[in-house]
């Protein structure tokens, strides 16, 4: 798969324009995804030196991206009538996801096993796996929908 990954708030804690501390297991998970032959694209609002700093931070930790803020390494704005800021990927990993950013173990499991949020939520409710963290209360979405 081709996977777009945000930097601030996703790979590292959000401290923009500084680089925050690494999110637990983010680097290890990204290296595993690369080893599994997924193409990772760094998809960040950072530009110029701030972007270069983020790329170097990742590189120092063994993360080499397939492309940076584009669909493929050779893509450019000029001379490409089909250039679009909208990136064409299979998955986005971003802290601004609806429902927030799952932990990196869950992210890896979802990608590797093709698990979607519905299945993760269902398994959490049933208590059949490691996603279950609040067995004593109904999940927020059941309370919201008044499902018993």
C-alpha atoms as a PDB file:
ATOM      1  CA  UNK A   1       0.000   0.000   0.000  1.00  0.00           C
ATOM      2  CA  UNK A   2       0.938   3.625  -0.306  1.00  0.00           C
ATOM      3  CA  UNK A   3       0.555   5.300   3.080  1.00  0.00           C
ATOM      4  CA  UNK A   4       0.685   9.038   3.817  1.00  0.00           C
ATOM      5  CA  UNK A   5       2.035   9.830   7.283  1.00  0.00           C
ATOM      6  CA  UNK A   6       1.816  13.179   9.042  1.00  0.00           C
ATOM      7  CA  UNK A   7       4.773  14.292  11.176  1.00  0.00           C
ATOM      8  CA  UNK A   8       3.715  16.706  13.947  1.00  0.00           C
ATOM      9  CA  UNK A   9       1.300  15.092  16.384  1.00  0.00           C
ATOM     10  CA  UNK A  10       1.606  11.731  14.623  1.00  0.00           C
ATOM     11  CA  UNK A  11       5.239  10.600  14.529  1.00  0.00           C
ATOM     12  CA  UNK A  12       6.270  13.098  17.216  1.00  0.00           C
ATOM     13  CA  UNK A  13       4.384  15.036  19.877  1.00  0.00           C
ATOM     14  CA  UNK A  14       2.995  18.298  18.518  1.00  0.00           C
ATOM     15  CA  UNK A  15       5.540  21.050  19.277  1.00  0.00           C
ATOM     16  CA  UNK A  16       5.594  22.812  15.880  1.00  0.00           C
ATOM     17  CA  UNK A  17       7.811  24.535  14.808  1.00  0.00           C
ATOM     18  CA  UNK A  18      10.083  22.540  17.137  1.00  0.00           C
ATOM     19  CA  UNK A  19      10.309  18.765  16.844  1.00  0.00           C
ATOM     20  CA  UNK A  20       8.550  17.092  19.750  1.00  0.00           C
ATOM     21  CA  UNK A  21       9.380  13.821  21.451  1.00  0.00           C
ATOM     22  CA  UNK A  22       8.751  10.639  19.473  1.00  0.00           C
ATOM     23  CA  UNK A  23       5.313   9.100  19.920  1.00  0.00           C
ATOM     24  CA  UNK A  24       5.739   5.659  21.533  1.00  0.00           C
ATOM     25  CA  UNK A  25       6.588   3.005  18.929  1.00  0.00           C
ATOM     26  CA  UNK A  26       6.098   5.352  15.949  1.00  0.00           C
ATOM     27  CA  UNK A  27       9.615   4.858  14.559  1.00  0.00           C
ATOM     28  CA  UNK A  28       9.594   1.079  15.065  1.00  0.00           C
ATOM     29  CA  UNK A  29       6.187   0.770  13.416  1.00  0.00           C
ATOM     30  CA  UNK A  30       7.180   2.899  10.428  1.00  0.00           C
ATOM     31  CA  UNK A  31      10.340   0.820   9.943  1.00  0.00           C
ATOM     32  CA  UNK A  32       8.216  -2.362  10.079  1.00  0.00           C
ATOM     33  CA  UNK A  33       5.816  -0.949   7.469  1.00  0.00           C
ATOM     34  CA  UNK A  34       8.782  -0.160   5.191  1.00  0.00           C
ATOM     35  CA  UNK A  35      10.145  -3.685   5.775  1.00  0.00           C
ATOM     36  CA  UNK A  36       6.693  -5.019   4.814  1.00  0.00           C
ATOM     37  CA  UNK A  37       7.171  -3.205   1.452  1.00  0.00           C
ATOM     38  CA  UNK A  38       4.646  -0.424   1.970  1.00  0.00           C
ATOM     39  CA  UNK A  39       5.497   2.941   0.370  1.00  0.00           C
ATOM     40  CA  UNK A  40       5.451   5.712   2.946  1.00  0.00           C
ATOM     41  CA  UNK A  41       4.944   9.334   1.987  1.00  0.00           C
ATOM     42  CA  UNK A  42       5.694  12.060   4.503  1.00  0.00           C
ATOM     43  CA  UNK A  43       2.663  14.344   4.281  1.00  0.00           C
ATOM     44  CA  UNK A  44       3.340  17.445   6.351  1.00  0.00           C
ATOM     45  CA  UNK A  45       2.497  21.131   6.491  1.00  0.00           C
ATOM     46  CA  UNK A  46       6.215  21.763   7.100  1.00  0.00           C
ATOM     47  CA  UNK A  47       8.185  23.550   4.395  1.00  0.00           C
ATOM     48  CA  UNK A  48      11.776  24.647   3.814  1.00  0.00           C
ATOM     49  CA  UNK A  49      14.189  24.168   6.712  1.00  0.00           C
ATOM     50  CA  UNK A  50      11.435  22.933   9.040  1.00  0.00           C
ATOM     51  CA  UNK A  51      10.605  20.170   6.557  1.00  0.00           C
ATOM     52  CA  UNK A  52      14.299  19.379   6.045  1.00  0.00           C
ATOM     53  CA  UNK A  53      14.690  19.057   9.839  1.00  0.00           C
ATOM     54  CA  UNK A  54      11.761  16.604  10.014  1.00  0.00           C
ATOM     55  CA  UNK A  55      13.155  14.532   7.123  1.00  0.00           C
ATOM     56  CA  UNK A  56      16.589  14.419   8.777  1.00  0.00           C
ATOM     57  CA  UNK A  57      15.058  13.472  12.135  1.00  0.00           C
ATOM     58  CA  UNK A  58      13.354  10.510  10.463  1.00  0.00           C
ATOM     59  CA  UNK A  59      16.428   9.581   8.430  1.00  0.00           C
ATOM     60  CA  UNK A  60      18.580   9.463  11.599  1.00  0.00           C
ATOM     61  CA  UNK A  61      16.135   6.875  12.944  1.00  0.00           C
ATOM     62  CA  UNK A  62      16.131   4.697   9.841  1.00  0.00           C
ATOM     63  CA  UNK A  63      12.985   5.998   8.159  1.00  0.00           C
ATOM     64  CA  UNK A  64      13.386   6.767   4.459  1.00  0.00           C
ATOM     65  CA  UNK A  65      10.208   7.971   2.796  1.00  0.00           C
ATOM     66  CA  UNK A  66       9.225   7.026  -0.741  1.00  0.00           C
ATOM     67  CA  UNK A  67       8.211  10.649  -1.371  1.00  0.00           C
ATOM     68  CA  UNK A  68       7.758  13.898   0.542  1.00  0.00           C
ATOM     69  CA  UNK A  69       4.533  15.920   0.124  1.00  0.00           C
ATOM     70  CA  UNK A  70       3.877  14.422  -3.329  1.00  0.00           C
ATOM     71  CA  UNK A  71       2.607  11.205  -4.915  1.00  0.00           C
ATOM     72  CA  UNK A  72       5.984  10.042  -6.209  1.00  0.00           C
ATOM     73  CA  UNK A  73       9.554  11.358  -5.887  1.00  0.00           C
ATOM     74  CA  UNK A  74       9.790  12.847  -9.403  1.00  0.00           C
ATOM     75  CA  UNK A  75       6.485  14.729  -9.294  1.00  0.00           C
ATOM     76  CA  UNK A  76       6.740  18.513  -9.626  1.00  0.00           C
ATOM     77  CA  UNK A  77       4.215  21.331  -9.837  1.00  0.00           C
ATOM     78  CA  UNK A  78       5.699  22.940 -12.918  1.00  0.00           C
ATOM     79  CA  UNK A  79       5.199  21.217 -16.240  1.00  0.00           C
ATOM     80  CA  UNK A  80       2.696  18.706 -14.881  1.00  0.00           C
ATOM     81  CA  UNK A  81      -0.856  19.433 -15.949  1.00  0.00           C
ATOM     82  CA  UNK A  82      -2.126  16.679 -13.620  1.00  0.00           C
ATOM     83  CA  UNK A  83      -0.330  17.936 -10.480  1.00  0.00           C
ATOM     84  CA  UNK A  84      -2.630  18.170  -7.482  1.00  0.00           C
ATOM     85  CA  UNK A  85      -2.020  18.932  -3.811  1.00  0.00           C
ATOM     86  CA  UNK A  86      -4.498  16.129  -3.103  1.00  0.00           C
ATOM     87  CA  UNK A  87      -2.365  13.057  -2.679  1.00  0.00           C
ATOM     88  CA  UNK A  88      -3.462   9.643  -3.964  1.00  0.00           C
ATOM     89  CA  UNK A  89      -2.789   7.064  -1.245  1.00  0.00           C
ATOM     90  CA  UNK A  90      -4.447   4.011   0.247  1.00  0.00           C
ATOM     91  CA  UNK A  91      -4.273   5.199   3.862  1.00  0.00           C
ATOM     92  CA  UNK A  92      -3.598   8.400   5.797  1.00  0.00           C
ATOM     93  CA  UNK A  93      -2.053   8.199   9.274  1.00  0.00           C
ATOM     94  CA  UNK A  94      -2.729  11.533  10.936  1.00  0.00           C
ATOM     95  CA  UNK A  95      -3.477  12.782  14.444  1.00  0.00           C
ATOM     96  CA  UNK A  96      -6.408  14.747  12.983  1.00  0.00           C
ATOM     97  CA  UNK A  97      -8.337  11.559  12.106  1.00  0.00           C
ATOM     98  CA  UNK A  98     -11.914  11.421  13.241  1.00  0.00           C
ATOM     99  CA  UNK A  99     -11.670   9.468  16.450  1.00  0.00           C
ATOM    100  CA  UNK A 100      -8.057  10.577  16.974  1.00  0.00           C
ATOM    101  CA  UNK A 101      -4.811   8.726  16.432  1.00  0.00           C
ATOM    102  CA  UNK A 102      -4.809   5.110  17.615  1.00  0.00           C
ATOM    103  CA  UNK A 103      -1.647   3.836  19.267  1.00  0.00           C
ATOM    104  CA  UNK A 104       1.015   2.667  16.808  1.00  0.00           C
ATOM    105  CA  UNK A 105       0.477  -1.011  17.695  1.00  0.00           C
ATOM    106  CA  UNK A 106      -3.167  -0.715  16.696  1.00  0.00           C
ATOM    107  CA  UNK A 107      -2.183   1.140  13.516  1.00  0.00           C
ATOM    108  CA  UNK A 108       0.212  -1.644  12.527  1.00  0.00           C
ATOM    109  CA  UNK A 109      -2.367  -4.320  13.303  1.00  0.00           C
ATOM    110  CA  UNK A 110      -5.064  -2.517  11.307  1.00  0.00           C
ATOM    111  CA  UNK A 111      -2.779  -2.201   8.265  1.00  0.00           C
ATOM    112  CA  UNK A 112      -1.336  -5.710   8.487  1.00  0.00           C
ATOM    113  CA  UNK A 113      -4.655  -7.478   9.087  1.00  0.00           C
ATOM    114  CA  UNK A 114      -6.897  -5.161   7.072  1.00  0.00           C
ATOM    115  CA  UNK A 115      -8.858  -4.293  10.192  1.00  0.00           C
ATOM    116  CA  UNK A 116     -11.162  -1.294  10.109  1.00  0.00           C
ATOM    117  CA  UNK A 117     -12.425   0.898  12.923  1.00  0.00           C
ATOM    118  CA  UNK A 118     -15.741  -0.950  13.027  1.00  0.00           C
ATOM    119  CA  UNK A 119     -13.970  -4.241  13.768  1.00  0.00           C
ATOM    120  CA  UNK A 120     -11.660  -2.629  16.339  1.00  0.00           C
ATOM    121  CA  UNK A 121     -14.674  -1.115  18.122  1.00  0.00           C
ATOM    122  CA  UNK A 122     -16.632  -4.386  17.965  1.00  0.00           C
ATOM    123  CA  UNK A 123     -13.723  -6.349  19.410  1.00  0.00           C
ATOM    124  CA  UNK A 124     -13.222  -3.733  22.104  1.00  0.00           C
ATOM    125  CA  UNK A 125     -16.863  -3.966  23.142  1.00  0.00           C
ATOM    126  CA  UNK A 126     -16.798  -7.768  23.226  1.00  0.00           C
ATOM    127  CA  UNK A 127     -13.531  -7.790  25.188  1.00  0.00           C
ATOM    128  CA  UNK A 128     -12.012 -10.363  22.817  1.00  0.00           C
ATOM    129  CA  UNK A 129      -8.647  -8.665  22.307  1.00  0.00           C
ATOM    130  CA  UNK A 130      -6.025  -6.244  23.548  1.00  0.00           C
ATOM    131  CA  UNK A 131      -8.006  -3.222  22.366  1.00  0.00           C
ATOM    132  CA  UNK A 132     -10.329  -3.594  25.349  1.00  0.00           C
ATOM    133  CA  UNK A 133      -9.372  -0.941  27.851  1.00  0.00           C
ATOM    134  CA  UNK A 134     -12.683   0.072  29.450  1.00  0.00           C
ATOM    135  CA  UNK A 135     -14.711  -3.048  30.185  1.00  0.00           C
ATOM    136  CA  UNK A 136     -16.567  -1.507  33.128  1.00  0.00           C
ATOM    137  CA  UNK A 137     -18.394   1.136  31.082  1.00  0.00           C
ATOM    138  CA  UNK A 138     -20.333   1.195  27.875  1.00  0.00           C
ATOM    139  CA  UNK A 139     -18.287   2.756  25.030  1.00  0.00           C
ATOM    140  CA  UNK A 140     -19.089   6.399  24.300  1.00  0.00           C
ATOM    141  CA  UNK A 141     -20.794   5.562  21.012  1.00  0.00           C
ATOM    142  CA  UNK A 142     -23.217   3.143  22.707  1.00  0.00           C
ATOM    143  CA  UNK A 143     -24.036   5.780  25.335  1.00  0.00           C
ATOM    144  CA  UNK A 144     -24.524   8.356  22.553  1.00  0.00           C
ATOM    145  CA  UNK A 145     -26.823   6.062  20.563  1.00  0.00           C
ATOM    146  CA  UNK A 146     -28.450   4.725  23.754  1.00  0.00           C
ATOM    147  CA  UNK A 147     -27.563   1.125  22.868  1.00  0.00           C
ATOM    148  CA  UNK A 148     -27.413  -1.299  25.776  1.00  0.00           C
END
